[in-house]
Amino acid sequence: MIYDMLMNLLVYFFPLPFHFISNVSRFVLEPKSALMSEQEQKLKDSEVAIAGLQTSKEYLEKQMAEVENNLRELLQQDPGLARQIMSMTVM
């Protein structure tokens, strides 16, 4: 009850430009502009990380295709090796 009254007073005296951030059992008053800039920076950092991961993904896909081609060529050159690999059991 007292908590609700206190929160109503805070909202009344500190409208929209401020937001409350819950910190376990207490609230910290932060300016909305600070929160927005923090979120925008997190978004930029995430976009940079995503771009880096996309580059790594493309590189690894090219490497995998090259390894597949090399393995295919090896098996075509030595049919005995292909039969030997096919006869192996996977545990």
C-alpha atoms as a PDB file:
ATOM      1  CA  MET A   1       0.000   0.000   0.000  1.00  0.00           C
ATOM      2  CA  ILE A   2       2.718   2.478   0.955  1.00  0.00           C
ATOM      3  CA  TYR A   3       4.775   1.300  -1.994  1.00  0.00           C
ATOM      4  CA  ASP A   4       1.905   2.027  -4.400  1.00  0.00           C
ATOM      5  CA  MET A   5       1.395   5.483  -2.930  1.00  0.00           C
ATOM      6  CA  LEU A   6       5.098   6.272  -3.206  1.00  0.00           C
ATOM      7  CA  MET A   7       5.216   5.087  -6.834  1.00  0.00           C
ATOM      8  CA  ASN A   8       2.146   7.179  -7.690  1.00  0.00           C
ATOM      9  CA  LEU A   9       3.784  10.255  -6.163  1.00  0.00           C
ATOM     10  CA  LEU A  10       7.010   9.654  -8.077  1.00  0.00           C
ATOM     11  CA  VAL A  11       5.149   9.231 -11.353  1.00  0.00           C
ATOM     12  CA  TYR A  12       3.148  12.379 -10.619  1.00  0.00           C
ATOM     13  CA  PHE A  13       6.195  14.524  -9.857  1.00  0.00           C
ATOM     14  CA  PHE A  14       8.524  12.942 -12.450  1.00  0.00           C
ATOM     15  CA  PRO A  15       6.499  12.258 -15.599  1.00  0.00           C
ATOM     16  CA  LEU A  16       7.682  10.925 -18.984  1.00  0.00           C
ATOM     17  CA  PRO A  17      11.269  12.202 -19.291  1.00  0.00           C
ATOM     18  CA  PHE A  18      12.298   9.784 -16.542  1.00  0.00           C
ATOM     19  CA  HIS A  19      11.929   6.026 -16.212  1.00  0.00           C
ATOM     20  CA  PHE A  20      12.427   3.739 -13.271  1.00  0.00           C
ATOM     21  CA  ILE A  21      14.889   0.890 -13.568  1.00  0.00           C
ATOM     22  CA  SER A  22      14.298  -1.961 -11.192  1.00  0.00           C
ATOM     23  CA  ASN A  23      17.414  -2.899  -9.270  1.00  0.00           C
ATOM     24  CA  VAL A  24      16.381  -5.935  -7.173  1.00  0.00           C
ATOM     25  CA  SER A  25      14.424  -4.273  -4.357  1.00  0.00           C
ATOM     26  CA  ARG A  26      14.917  -0.612  -5.214  1.00  0.00           C
ATOM     27  CA  PHE A  27      14.287   1.683  -8.145  1.00  0.00           C
ATOM     28  CA  VAL A  28      16.774   4.067  -9.733  1.00  0.00           C
ATOM     29  CA  LEU A  29      15.563   7.147 -11.537  1.00  0.00           C
ATOM     30  CA  GLU A  30      17.250   7.455 -14.960  1.00  0.00           C
ATOM     31  CA  PRO A  31      16.664  10.073 -17.655  1.00  0.00           C
ATOM     32  CA  LYS A  32      14.893   8.685 -20.691  1.00  0.00           C
ATOM     33  CA  SER A  33      17.593  10.088 -23.003  1.00  0.00           C
ATOM     34  CA  ALA A  34      20.298   8.117 -21.150  1.00  0.00           C
ATOM     35  CA  LEU A  35      18.295   4.913 -21.492  1.00  0.00           C
ATOM     36  CA  MET A  36      17.645   5.541 -25.175  1.00  0.00           C
ATOM     37  CA  SER A  37      21.315   6.220 -25.951  1.00  0.00           C
ATOM     38  CA  GLU A  38      22.325   3.078 -24.036  1.00  0.00           C
ATOM     39  CA  GLN A  39      19.862   0.981 -26.048  1.00  0.00           C
ATOM     40  CA  GLU A  40      21.001   2.558 -29.327  1.00  0.00           C
ATOM     41  CA  GLN A  41      24.619   1.711 -28.500  1.00  0.00           C
ATOM     42  CA  LYS A  42      23.640  -1.878 -27.705  1.00  0.00           C
ATOM     43  CA  LEU A  43      21.831  -2.046 -31.059  1.00  0.00           C
ATOM     44  CA  LYS A  44      24.911  -0.755 -32.926  1.00  0.00           C
ATOM     45  CA  ASP A  45      27.167  -3.236 -31.111  1.00  0.00           C
ATOM     46  CA  SER A  46      24.782  -6.071 -31.968  1.00  0.00           C
ATOM     47  CA  GLU A  47      24.693  -5.073 -35.634  1.00  0.00           C
ATOM     48  CA  VAL A  48      28.506  -5.089 -35.770  1.00  0.00           C
ATOM     49  CA  ALA A  49      28.593  -8.522 -34.121  1.00  0.00           C
ATOM     50  CA  ILE A  50      25.981  -9.868 -36.565  1.00  0.00           C
ATOM     51  CA  ALA A  51      27.994  -8.568 -39.541  1.00  0.00           C
ATOM     52  CA  GLY A  52      31.113 -10.291 -38.207  1.00  0.00           C
ATOM     53  CA  LEU A  53      29.259 -13.546 -37.697  1.00  0.00           C
ATOM     54  CA  GLN A  54      27.809 -13.353 -41.212  1.00  0.00           C
ATOM     55  CA  THR A  55      31.314 -12.948 -42.645  1.00  0.00           C
ATOM     56  CA  SER A  56      32.537 -15.943 -40.634  1.00  0.00           C
ATOM     57  CA  LYS A  57      29.558 -17.992 -41.780  1.00  0.00           C
ATOM     58  CA  GLU A  58      30.254 -17.238 -45.446  1.00  0.00           C
ATOM     59  CA  TYR A  59      33.939 -18.116 -45.031  1.00  0.00           C
ATOM     60  CA  LEU A  60      33.138 -21.409 -43.301  1.00  0.00           C
ATOM     61  CA  GLU A  61      30.564 -22.329 -45.956  1.00  0.00           C
ATOM     62  CA  LYS A  62      33.197 -21.796 -48.687  1.00  0.00           C
ATOM     63  CA  GLN A  63      35.720 -23.873 -46.743  1.00  0.00           C
ATOM     64  CA  MET A  64      33.193 -26.684 -46.275  1.00  0.00           C
ATOM     65  CA  ALA A  65      32.366 -26.718 -49.998  1.00  0.00           C
ATOM     66  CA  GLU A  66      36.076 -26.909 -50.816  1.00  0.00           C
ATOM     67  CA  VAL A  67      36.611 -29.821 -48.400  1.00  0.00           C
ATOM     68  CA  GLU A  68      33.608 -31.649 -49.886  1.00  0.00           C
ATOM     69  CA  ASN A  69      35.017 -31.206 -53.392  1.00  0.00           C
ATOM     70  CA  ASN A  70      38.458 -32.416 -52.293  1.00  0.00           C
ATOM     71  CA  LEU A  71      36.949 -35.491 -50.643  1.00  0.00           C
ATOM     72  CA  ARG A  72      34.812 -36.225 -53.711  1.00  0.00           C
ATOM     73  CA  GLU A  73      37.904 -36.018 -55.967  1.00  0.00           C
ATOM     74  CA  LEU A  74      39.878 -38.273 -53.624  1.00  0.00           C
ATOM     75  CA  LEU A  75      37.150 -40.919 -53.621  1.00  0.00           C
ATOM     76  CA  GLN A  76      36.836 -40.772 -57.420  1.00  0.00           C
ATOM     77  CA  GLN A  77      40.586 -41.255 -57.831  1.00  0.00           C
ATOM     78  CA  ASP A  78      40.736 -44.286 -55.506  1.00  0.00           C
ATOM     79  CA  PRO A  79      37.589 -46.469 -55.656  1.00  0.00           C
ATOM     80  CA  GLY A  80      39.224 -48.938 -53.228  1.00  0.00           C
ATOM     81  CA  LEU A  81      39.402 -46.232 -50.594  1.00  0.00           C
ATOM     82  CA  ALA A  82      35.750 -45.392 -51.217  1.00  0.00           C
ATOM     83  CA  ARG A  83      34.760 -49.054 -50.674  1.00  0.00           C
ATOM     84  CA  GLN A  84      36.880 -49.231 -47.527  1.00  0.00           C
ATOM     85  CA  ILE A  85      35.237 -46.108 -46.093  1.00  0.00           C
ATOM     86  CA  MET A  86      31.755 -47.388 -46.972  1.00  0.00           C
ATOM     87  CA  SER A  87      32.427 -50.676 -45.169  1.00  0.00           C
ATOM     88  CA  MET A  88      33.341 -48.922 -41.895  1.00  0.00           C
ATOM     89  CA  THR A  89      30.772 -48.934 -39.110  1.00  0.00           C
ATOM     90  CA  VAL A  90      30.050 -45.909 -36.979  1.00  0.00           C
ATOM     91  CA  MET A  91      29.848 -46.473 -33.251  1.00  0.00           C
END
